[in-house]
Amino acid sequence: MARWIRWMMAATVAACVLCGAASADPLTTTQRRVADELVSVFENSSTHLQYGYIENLHDGCGLTAGRAGFCSATGDMLMTVETYADSDPQTPLAHYLPVLRDRAATGSARTSGLGQDFVADWRQAAQDATFRAAQDQVVNVLYYTPATVMAAAARLTTPLAIAIFYDTAIEHGVEKDPDGLPALIDRTRRRLHALPGRAVSERRWLATFLRVRHADLLHPHNRARRVDWPDSVGRVDALAALLREGHMGLTPPVRVNPWHDTAPFVLR
């Protein structure tokens, strides 16, 4: 089964759980904006969501694009273009759907058929509010909603905890593989022999989770990610700093400096 199909199935199950477990977004509008900006800093080094970003990072994922790093090899890029084409069948991006379906079905990083015309069409589409909304929708379905469900199941209640799970879902995925968010949660629970509660505080549990995630980024089970993931540990270090500083409510302004090569980013 193609990876993107498994992602969609996992997200659908999570969404169904959410419908029964909660009636509203656990974050306020401001907290969600801060969480989105945090992910954007980690993904694109900007507090402004980069809907028009597109690049071949040569990391085994094909083209990487959009506000959440949608990839042609994993299927979330396909889902984004399909969602947009449902609203605007005349979009030039619809022309590339057969190629995107082939890459997603095979997990191929090949970019033939997705050359400069596709790059230009993606950047042009990013000027359209409907395309930006399609990206937002895919982020919610594949990453944010599953993250909130898993946070609730892990007895995590703070906005920072949800943001940490959200960012982890974006980078690691929500699949049940050794590098996915569910596996990291399970390893944290086994290390502490508990979920947050009387025996373990939420802050201690999250600190342990971030150490588990840090170790996974340095030595991922997925051999393809051993090329790029070690370079991304700065995002985990930045989240750990927010935890130490007590930013549990994501109350702006929030300052993060994951790469330490520029001034801190200020999330407002």
C-alpha atoms as a PDB file:
ATOM      1  CA  MET A   1       0.000   0.000   0.000  1.00  0.00           C
ATOM      2  CA  ALA A   2       1.402   3.421  -0.940  1.00  0.00           C
ATOM      3  CA  ARG A   3       2.615   5.547   1.939  1.00  0.00           C
ATOM      4  CA  TRP A   4       0.257   8.428   1.182  1.00  0.00           C
ATOM      5  CA  ILE A   5      -2.740   6.095   1.289  1.00  0.00           C
ATOM      6  CA  ARG A   6      -1.702   4.864   4.742  1.00  0.00           C
ATOM      7  CA  TRP A   7      -1.356   8.471   5.863  1.00  0.00           C
ATOM      8  CA  MET A   8      -4.875   9.259   4.675  1.00  0.00           C
ATOM      9  CA  MET A   9      -6.280   6.198   6.395  1.00  0.00           C
ATOM     10  CA  ALA A  10      -4.573   7.062   9.673  1.00  0.00           C
ATOM     11  CA  ALA A  11      -5.790  10.646   9.470  1.00  0.00           C
ATOM     12  CA  THR A  12      -9.351   9.552   8.710  1.00  0.00           C
ATOM     13  CA  VAL A  13      -9.401   7.257  11.738  1.00  0.00           C
ATOM     14  CA  ALA A  14      -7.987  10.044  13.870  1.00  0.00           C
ATOM     15  CA  ALA A  15     -10.587  12.493  12.600  1.00  0.00           C
ATOM     16  CA  CYS A  16     -13.368  10.078  13.500  1.00  0.00           C
ATOM     17  CA  VAL A  17     -11.958   9.729  17.001  1.00  0.00           C
ATOM     18  CA  LEU A  18     -11.811  13.483  17.306  1.00  0.00           C
ATOM     19  CA  CYS A  19     -15.456  13.836  16.353  1.00  0.00           C
ATOM     20  CA  GLY A  20     -16.393  11.671  19.285  1.00  0.00           C
ATOM     21  CA  ALA A  21     -13.789  12.990  21.709  1.00  0.00           C
ATOM     22  CA  ALA A  22     -13.942  16.752  21.257  1.00  0.00           C
ATOM     23  CA  SER A  23     -16.246  19.311  19.718  1.00  0.00           C
ATOM     24  CA  ALA A  24     -13.789  22.151  19.156  1.00  0.00           C
ATOM     25  CA  ASP A  25     -10.199  22.936  18.302  1.00  0.00           C
ATOM     26  CA  PRO A  26      -8.184  22.632  21.535  1.00  0.00           C
ATOM     27  CA  LEU A  27      -6.193  25.746  20.582  1.00  0.00           C
ATOM     28  CA  THR A  28      -7.475  29.293  20.423  1.00  0.00           C
ATOM     29  CA  THR A  29      -7.064  31.207  17.173  1.00  0.00           C
ATOM     30  CA  THR A  30      -3.961  32.929  18.569  1.00  0.00           C
ATOM     31  CA  GLN A  31      -2.431  29.687  19.847  1.00  0.00           C
ATOM     32  CA  ARG A  32      -3.017  27.970  16.513  1.00  0.00           C
ATOM     33  CA  ARG A  33      -1.421  30.888  14.686  1.00  0.00           C
ATOM     34  CA  VAL A  34       1.652  30.619  16.914  1.00  0.00           C
ATOM     35  CA  ALA A  35       1.801  26.848  16.350  1.00  0.00           C
ATOM     36  CA  ASP A  36       1.553  27.345  12.571  1.00  0.00           C
ATOM     37  CA  GLU A  37       4.259  30.007  12.633  1.00  0.00           C
ATOM     38  CA  LEU A  38       6.458  27.704  14.706  1.00  0.00           C
ATOM     39  CA  VAL A  39       6.171  24.938  12.117  1.00  0.00           C
ATOM     40  CA  SER A  40       6.799  27.486   9.346  1.00  0.00           C
ATOM     41  CA  VAL A  41      10.020  28.623  11.013  1.00  0.00           C
ATOM     42  CA  PHE A  42      11.193  25.020  11.218  1.00  0.00           C
ATOM     43  CA  GLU A  43      10.142  24.163   7.668  1.00  0.00           C
ATOM     44  CA  ASN A  44      10.942  27.362   5.790  1.00  0.00           C
ATOM     45  CA  SER A  45      12.783  29.714   8.191  1.00  0.00           C
ATOM     46  CA  SER A  46       9.946  32.230   8.060  1.00  0.00           C
ATOM     47  CA  THR A  47       7.042  33.115  10.312  1.00  0.00           C
ATOM     48  CA  HIS A  48       4.976  33.673   7.155  1.00  0.00           C
ATOM     49  CA  LEU A  49       3.477  30.466   5.772  1.00  0.00           C
ATOM     50  CA  GLN A  50       5.295  29.679   2.529  1.00  0.00           C
ATOM     51  CA  TYR A  51       2.531  28.400   0.277  1.00  0.00           C
ATOM     52  CA  GLY A  52       4.602  29.061  -2.855  1.00  0.00           C
ATOM     53  CA  TYR A  53       7.774  27.326  -1.730  1.00  0.00           C
ATOM     54  CA  ILE A  54       8.912  24.443  -3.962  1.00  0.00           C
ATOM     55  CA  GLU A  55      12.319  22.773  -4.273  1.00  0.00           C
ATOM     56  CA  ASN A  56      14.051  19.455  -4.888  1.00  0.00           C
ATOM     57  CA  LEU A  57      16.036  18.846  -1.705  1.00  0.00           C
ATOM     58  CA  HIS A  58      17.483  15.572  -3.044  1.00  0.00           C
ATOM     59  CA  ASP A  59      16.414  13.816   0.150  1.00  0.00           C
ATOM     60  CA  GLY A  60      14.545  10.910  -1.394  1.00  0.00           C
ATOM     61  CA  CYS A  61      11.182  12.697  -1.250  1.00  0.00           C
ATOM     62  CA  GLY A  62      11.085  14.170  -4.738  1.00  0.00           C
ATOM     63  CA  LEU A  63       9.879  17.758  -4.839  1.00  0.00           C
ATOM     64  CA  THR A  64       9.111  19.407  -1.502  1.00  0.00           C
ATOM     65  CA  ALA A  65       6.642  22.279  -1.530  1.00  0.00           C
ATOM     66  CA  GLY A  66       4.156  24.438   0.291  1.00  0.00           C
ATOM     67  CA  ARG A  67       3.590  25.479   3.864  1.00  0.00           C
ATOM     68  CA  ALA A  68       4.207  22.004   5.314  1.00  0.00           C
ATOM     69  CA  GLY A  69       6.788  20.522   2.975  1.00  0.00           C
ATOM     70  CA  PHE A  70       4.366  18.416   0.917  1.00  0.00           C
ATOM     71  CA  CYS A  71       6.333  15.851  -1.102  1.00  0.00           C
ATOM     72  CA  SER A  72       5.758  14.317  -4.503  1.00  0.00           C
ATOM     73  CA  ALA A  73       7.040  10.912  -3.347  1.00  0.00           C
ATOM     74  CA  THR A  74       4.897  10.588  -0.215  1.00  0.00           C
ATOM     75  CA  GLY A  75       1.497  11.643  -1.512  1.00  0.00           C
ATOM     76  CA  ASP A  76       0.590  14.714   0.506  1.00  0.00           C
ATOM     77  CA  MET A  77       1.496  16.864  -2.512  1.00  0.00           C
ATOM     78  CA  LEU A  78      -0.890  14.757  -4.591  1.00  0.00           C
ATOM     79  CA  MET A  79      -3.639  15.173  -2.010  1.00  0.00           C
ATOM     80  CA  THR A  80      -3.079  18.942  -2.025  1.00  0.00           C
ATOM     81  CA  VAL A  81      -3.348  19.236  -5.807  1.00  0.00           C
ATOM     82  CA  GLU A  82      -6.389  16.923  -5.886  1.00  0.00           C
ATOM     83  CA  THR A  83      -8.105  19.030  -3.223  1.00  0.00           C
ATOM     84  CA  TYR A  84      -7.385  22.194  -5.190  1.00  0.00           C
ATOM     85  CA  ALA A  85      -8.489  20.666  -8.499  1.00  0.00           C
ATOM     86  CA  ASP A  86     -11.799  19.662  -6.921  1.00  0.00           C
ATOM     87  CA  SER A  87     -12.463  23.368  -6.324  1.00  0.00           C
ATOM     88  CA  ASP A  88     -10.861  24.609  -9.549  1.00  0.00           C
ATOM     89  CA  PRO A  89     -10.828  21.900 -12.262  1.00  0.00           C
ATOM     90  CA  GLN A  90      -9.252  24.357 -14.703  1.00  0.00           C
ATOM     91  CA  THR A  91      -6.108  24.872 -12.662  1.00  0.00           C
ATOM     92  CA  PRO A  92      -2.927  24.117 -14.637  1.00  0.00           C
ATOM     93  CA  LEU A  93      -1.823  21.948 -11.695  1.00  0.00           C
ATOM     94  CA  ALA A  94      -4.509  19.396 -12.623  1.00  0.00           C
ATOM     95  CA  HIS A  95      -2.391  18.543 -15.683  1.00  0.00           C
ATOM     96  CA  TYR A  96       0.206  16.962 -13.392  1.00  0.00           C
ATOM     97  CA  LEU A  97      -2.158  14.697 -11.463  1.00  0.00           C
ATOM     98  CA  PRO A  98      -1.279  11.517 -13.422  1.00  0.00           C
ATOM     99  CA  VAL A  99       2.414  12.031 -12.710  1.00  0.00           C
ATOM    100  CA  LEU A 100       1.789  12.833  -9.045  1.00  0.00           C
ATOM    101  CA  ARG A 101      -0.396   9.736  -8.686  1.00  0.00           C
ATOM    102  CA  ASP A 102       2.338   7.579 -10.182  1.00  0.00           C
ATOM    103  CA  ARG A 103       5.023   9.010  -7.867  1.00  0.00           C
ATOM    104  CA  ALA A 104       2.805   8.616  -4.794  1.00  0.00           C
ATOM    105  CA  ALA A 105       1.757   5.068  -5.667  1.00  0.00           C
ATOM    106  CA  THR A 106       5.376   3.957  -6.073  1.00  0.00           C
ATOM    107  CA  GLY A 107       6.980   6.242  -3.492  1.00  0.00           C
ATOM    108  CA  SER A 108       9.312   7.432  -6.221  1.00  0.00           C
ATOM    109  CA  ALA A 109      11.539  10.490  -5.816  1.00  0.00           C
ATOM    110  CA  ARG A 110      11.762  10.891  -9.607  1.00  0.00           C
ATOM    111  CA  THR A 111      10.892  14.404 -10.731  1.00  0.00           C
ATOM    112  CA  SER A 112      10.561  13.766 -14.466  1.00  0.00           C
ATOM    113  CA  GLY A 113       7.306  15.308 -15.619  1.00  0.00           C
ATOM    114  CA  LEU A 114       7.491  17.768 -12.721  1.00  0.00           C
ATOM    115  CA  GLY A 115       9.963  20.217 -14.170  1.00  0.00           C
ATOM    116  CA  GLN A 116      10.148  23.987 -14.308  1.00  0.00           C
ATOM    117  CA  ASP A 117       6.610  24.334 -15.684  1.00  0.00           C
ATOM    118  CA  PHE A 118       5.228  22.528 -12.642  1.00  0.00           C
ATOM    119  CA  VAL A 119       7.364  24.654 -10.332  1.00  0.00           C
ATOM    120  CA  ALA A 120       6.104  27.823 -12.007  1.00  0.00           C
ATOM    121  CA  ASP A 121       2.481  26.644 -11.912  1.00  0.00           C
ATOM    122  CA  TRP A 122       2.764  25.796  -8.192  1.00  0.00           C
ATOM    123  CA  ARG A 123       4.148  29.243  -7.402  1.00  0.00           C
ATOM    124  CA  GLN A 124       1.448  30.893  -9.482  1.00  0.00           C
ATOM    125  CA  ALA A 125      -1.293  28.840  -7.807  1.00  0.00           C
ATOM    126  CA  ALA A 126      -0.014  29.994  -4.407  1.00  0.00           C
ATOM    127  CA  GLN A 127      -1.348  33.452  -5.300  1.00  0.00           C
ATOM    128  CA  ASP A 128      -4.862  31.948  -5.252  1.00  0.00           C
ATOM    129  CA  ALA A 129      -6.651  31.895  -1.891  1.00  0.00           C
ATOM    130  CA  THR A 130      -8.372  28.656  -2.924  1.00  0.00           C
ATOM    131  CA  PHE A 131      -5.017  26.902  -3.320  1.00  0.00           C
ATOM    132  CA  ARG A 132      -3.833  28.229   0.019  1.00  0.00           C
ATOM    133  CA  ALA A 133      -7.038  26.938   1.579  1.00  0.00           C
ATOM    134  CA  ALA A 134      -6.403  23.530  -0.007  1.00  0.00           C
ATOM    135  CA  GLN A 135      -2.971  23.419   1.624  1.00  0.00           C
ATOM    136  CA  ASP A 136      -4.525  24.387   4.959  1.00  0.00           C
ATOM    137  CA  GLN A 137      -7.102  21.631   4.619  1.00  0.00           C
ATOM    138  CA  VAL A 138      -4.515  18.942   3.906  1.00  0.00           C
ATOM    139  CA  VAL A 139      -2.419  20.080   6.868  1.00  0.00           C
ATOM    140  CA  ASN A 140      -5.455  19.798   9.123  1.00  0.00           C
ATOM    141  CA  VAL A 141      -6.487  16.369   7.856  1.00  0.00           C
ATOM    142  CA  LEU A 142      -3.073  14.720   7.684  1.00  0.00           C
ATOM    143  CA  TYR A 143      -1.200  16.353  10.533  1.00  0.00           C
ATOM    144  CA  TYR A 144      -2.947  18.752  12.896  1.00  0.00           C
ATOM    145  CA  THR A 145      -6.063  16.705  13.637  1.00  0.00           C
ATOM    146  CA  PRO A 146      -4.146  13.436  14.210  1.00  0.00           C
ATOM    147  CA  ALA A 147      -1.713  15.335  16.449  1.00  0.00           C
ATOM    148  CA  THR A 148      -4.511  16.711  18.628  1.00  0.00           C
ATOM    149  CA  VAL A 149      -6.099  13.266  18.896  1.00  0.00           C
ATOM    150  CA  MET A 150      -2.817  11.633  19.901  1.00  0.00           C
ATOM    151  CA  ALA A 151      -2.097  14.408  22.396  1.00  0.00           C
ATOM    152  CA  ALA A 152      -5.471  13.857  24.046  1.00  0.00           C
ATOM    153  CA  ALA A 153      -4.899  10.089  24.134  1.00  0.00           C
ATOM    154  CA  ALA A 154      -1.526  10.712  25.790  1.00  0.00           C
ATOM    155  CA  ARG A 155      -3.241  12.882  28.434  1.00  0.00           C
ATOM    156  CA  LEU A 156      -1.500  16.030  27.248  1.00  0.00           C
ATOM    157  CA  THR A 157      -3.522  19.200  27.680  1.00  0.00           C
ATOM    158  CA  THR A 158      -1.294  22.244  27.176  1.00  0.00           C
ATOM    159  CA  PRO A 159      -1.088  24.215  23.927  1.00  0.00           C
ATOM    160  CA  LEU A 160       2.690  23.676  23.806  1.00  0.00           C
ATOM    161  CA  ALA A 161       2.178  19.904  23.998  1.00  0.00           C
ATOM    162  CA  ILE A 162      -0.196  20.061  21.043  1.00  0.00           C
ATOM    163  CA  ALA A 163       2.276  22.217  19.095  1.00  0.00           C
ATOM    164  CA  ILE A 164       5.055  19.718  19.816  1.00  0.00           C
ATOM    165  CA  PHE A 165       2.939  16.822  18.556  1.00  0.00           C
ATOM    166  CA  TYR A 166       1.825  18.897  15.554  1.00  0.00           C
ATOM    167  CA  ASP A 167       5.391  19.659  14.535  1.00  0.00           C
ATOM    168  CA  THR A 168       6.383  16.032  15.096  1.00  0.00           C
ATOM    169  CA  ALA A 169       3.511  14.874  12.875  1.00  0.00           C
ATOM    170  CA  ILE A 170       4.697  17.222  10.124  1.00  0.00           C
ATOM    171  CA  GLU A 171       8.266  15.922  10.184  1.00  0.00           C
ATOM    172  CA  HIS A 172       7.844  12.278  11.242  1.00  0.00           C
ATOM    173  CA  GLY A 173       4.357  11.498   9.959  1.00  0.00           C
ATOM    174  CA  VAL A 174       1.538   9.784  11.819  1.00  0.00           C
ATOM    175  CA  GLU A 175       2.120   6.302  10.485  1.00  0.00           C
ATOM    176  CA  LYS A 176       2.798   3.376  12.773  1.00  0.00           C
ATOM    177  CA  ASP A 177       6.401   2.953  11.706  1.00  0.00           C
ATOM    178  CA  PRO A 178       9.509   3.145  13.936  1.00  0.00           C
ATOM    179  CA  ASP A 179      10.044   6.843  13.150  1.00  0.00           C
ATOM    180  CA  GLY A 180       6.392   7.948  13.274  1.00  0.00           C
ATOM    181  CA  LEU A 181       4.693   9.961  15.994  1.00  0.00           C
ATOM    182  CA  PRO A 182       2.874   6.908  17.447  1.00  0.00           C
ATOM    183  CA  ALA A 183       6.195   5.062  17.872  1.00  0.00           C
ATOM    184  CA  LEU A 184       7.813   8.048  19.580  1.00  0.00           C
ATOM    185  CA  ILE A 185       4.872   8.308  21.972  1.00  0.00           C
ATOM    186  CA  ASP A 186       5.127   4.618  22.779  1.00  0.00           C
ATOM    187  CA  ARG A 187       8.885   4.791  23.395  1.00  0.00           C
ATOM    188  CA  THR A 188       8.383   7.755  25.728  1.00  0.00           C
ATOM    189  CA  ARG A 189       5.641   5.945  27.644  1.00  0.00           C
ATOM    190  CA  ARG A 190       7.812   2.840  28.028  1.00  0.00           C
ATOM    191  CA  ARG A 191      10.802   4.889  29.164  1.00  0.00           C
ATOM    192  CA  LEU A 192       8.789   6.597  31.900  1.00  0.00           C
ATOM    193  CA  HIS A 193       6.433   3.645  32.539  1.00  0.00           C
ATOM    194  CA  ALA A 194       3.553   6.119  32.471  1.00  0.00           C
ATOM    195  CA  LEU A 195       1.585   8.773  30.653  1.00  0.00           C
ATOM    196  CA  PRO A 196       1.294  12.253  32.182  1.00  0.00           C
ATOM    197  CA  GLY A 197      -0.627  12.178  35.447  1.00  0.00           C
ATOM    198  CA  ARG A 198       0.095  11.861  39.129  1.00  0.00           C
ATOM    199  CA  ALA A 199       3.334   9.919  38.671  1.00  0.00           C
ATOM    200  CA  VAL A 200       4.782  12.006  35.827  1.00  0.00           C
ATOM    201  CA  SER A 201       4.167  15.687  35.173  1.00  0.00           C
ATOM    202  CA  GLU A 202       3.322  16.866  31.679  1.00  0.00           C
ATOM    203  CA  ARG A 203       6.502  18.925  31.488  1.00  0.00           C
ATOM    204  CA  ARG A 204       8.688  15.952  32.460  1.00  0.00           C
ATOM    205  CA  TRP A 205       6.885  13.705  29.992  1.00  0.00           C
ATOM    206  CA  LEU A 206       7.311  16.209  27.167  1.00  0.00           C
ATOM    207  CA  ALA A 207      11.003  16.701  27.996  1.00  0.00           C
ATOM    208  CA  THR A 208      11.489  12.941  27.705  1.00  0.00           C
ATOM    209  CA  PHE A 209       9.483  12.829  24.472  1.00  0.00           C
ATOM    210  CA  LEU A 210      11.710  15.496  22.946  1.00  0.00           C
ATOM    211  CA  ARG A 211      14.825  13.548  23.951  1.00  0.00           C
ATOM    212  CA  VAL A 212      13.338  10.472  22.275  1.00  0.00           C
ATOM    213  CA  ARG A 213      12.572  12.485  19.146  1.00  0.00           C
ATOM    214  CA  HIS A 214      16.052  14.042  19.161  1.00  0.00           C
ATOM    215  CA  ALA A 215      17.635  10.586  19.274  1.00  0.00           C
ATOM    216  CA  ASP A 216      15.387   9.377  16.443  1.00  0.00           C
ATOM    217  CA  LEU A 217      16.396  12.300  14.231  1.00  0.00           C
ATOM    218  CA  LEU A 218      20.057  11.502  14.776  1.00  0.00           C
ATOM    219  CA  HIS A 219      19.571   7.788  14.073  1.00  0.00           C
ATOM    220  CA  PRO A 220      16.316   7.278  12.124  1.00  0.00           C
ATOM    221  CA  HIS A 221      15.194   3.763  11.231  1.00  0.00           C
ATOM    222  CA  ASN A 222      14.404   4.990   7.719  1.00  0.00           C
ATOM    223  CA  ARG A 223      17.805   4.918   6.032  1.00  0.00           C
ATOM    224  CA  ALA A 224      16.752   7.551   3.485  1.00  0.00           C
ATOM    225  CA  ARG A 225      16.244  10.096   6.272  1.00  0.00           C
ATOM    226  CA  ARG A 226      19.743   9.585   7.689  1.00  0.00           C
ATOM    227  CA  VAL A 227      20.919  12.088   5.093  1.00  0.00           C
ATOM    228  CA  ASP A 228      18.832  15.072   6.238  1.00  0.00           C
ATOM    229  CA  TRP A 229      17.169  14.411   9.584  1.00  0.00           C
ATOM    230  CA  PRO A 230      20.299  14.815  11.744  1.00  0.00           C
ATOM    231  CA  ASP A 231      20.534  18.395  10.477  1.00  0.00           C
ATOM    232  CA  SER A 232      17.031  19.146  11.779  1.00  0.00           C
ATOM    233  CA  VAL A 233      17.619  18.527  15.493  1.00  0.00           C
ATOM    234  CA  GLY A 234      17.570  22.293  15.989  1.00  0.00           C
ATOM    235  CA  ARG A 235      13.787  22.260  15.779  1.00  0.00           C
ATOM    236  CA  VAL A 236      13.644  19.828  18.712  1.00  0.00           C
ATOM    237  CA  ASP A 237      16.170  21.892  20.663  1.00  0.00           C
ATOM    238  CA  ALA A 238      14.003  24.977  20.085  1.00  0.00           C
ATOM    239  CA  LEU A 239      10.904  23.172  21.355  1.00  0.00           C
ATOM    240  CA  ALA A 240      12.836  21.966  24.402  1.00  0.00           C
ATOM    241  CA  ALA A 241      13.860  25.570  25.089  1.00  0.00           C
ATOM    242  CA  LEU A 242      10.219  26.683  24.970  1.00  0.00           C
ATOM    243  CA  LEU A 243       9.391  23.910  27.441  1.00  0.00           C
ATOM    244  CA  ARG A 244      12.168  24.956  29.831  1.00  0.00           C
ATOM    245  CA  GLU A 245      11.086  28.592  29.585  1.00  0.00           C
ATOM    246  CA  GLY A 246       7.511  27.680  30.483  1.00  0.00           C
ATOM    247  CA  HIS A 247       5.742  28.695  27.266  1.00  0.00           C
ATOM    248  CA  MET A 248       3.018  26.132  27.943  1.00  0.00           C
ATOM    249  CA  GLY A 249       0.220  28.432  26.763  1.00  0.00           C
ATOM    250  CA  LEU A 250       1.926  29.601  23.527  1.00  0.00           C
ATOM    251  CA  THR A 251       1.212  33.150  24.605  1.00  0.00           C
ATOM    252  CA  PRO A 252       2.896  35.575  22.198  1.00  0.00           C
ATOM    253  CA  PRO A 253       5.421  36.935  21.758  1.00  0.00           C
ATOM    254  CA  VAL A 254       7.319  33.635  21.531  1.00  0.00           C
ATOM    255  CA  ARG A 255      10.962  33.679  20.448  1.00  0.00           C
ATOM    256  CA  VAL A 256      12.676  30.700  18.838  1.00  0.00           C
ATOM    257  CA  ASN A 257      16.131  30.285  17.350  1.00  0.00           C
ATOM    258  CA  PRO A 258      16.435  26.732  16.015  1.00  0.00           C
ATOM    259  CA  TRP A 259      19.538  27.217  13.860  1.00  0.00           C
ATOM    260  CA  HIS A 260      21.439  29.880  15.852  1.00  0.00           C
ATOM    261  CA  ASP A 261      22.678  31.520  12.679  1.00  0.00           C
ATOM    262  CA  THR A 262      20.275  34.470  12.697  1.00  0.00           C
ATOM    263  CA  ALA A 263      18.429  36.578  15.227  1.00  0.00           C
ATOM    264  CA  PRO A 264      15.575  34.730  16.969  1.00  0.00           C
ATOM    265  CA  PHE A 265      12.261  34.502  15.157  1.00  0.00           C
ATOM    266  CA  VAL A 266       9.435  36.256  17.021  1.00  0.00           C
ATOM    267  CA  LEU A 267       6.027  34.584  16.840  1.00  0.00           C
ATOM    268  CA  ARG A 268       3.242  37.067  17.430  1.00  0.00           C
END
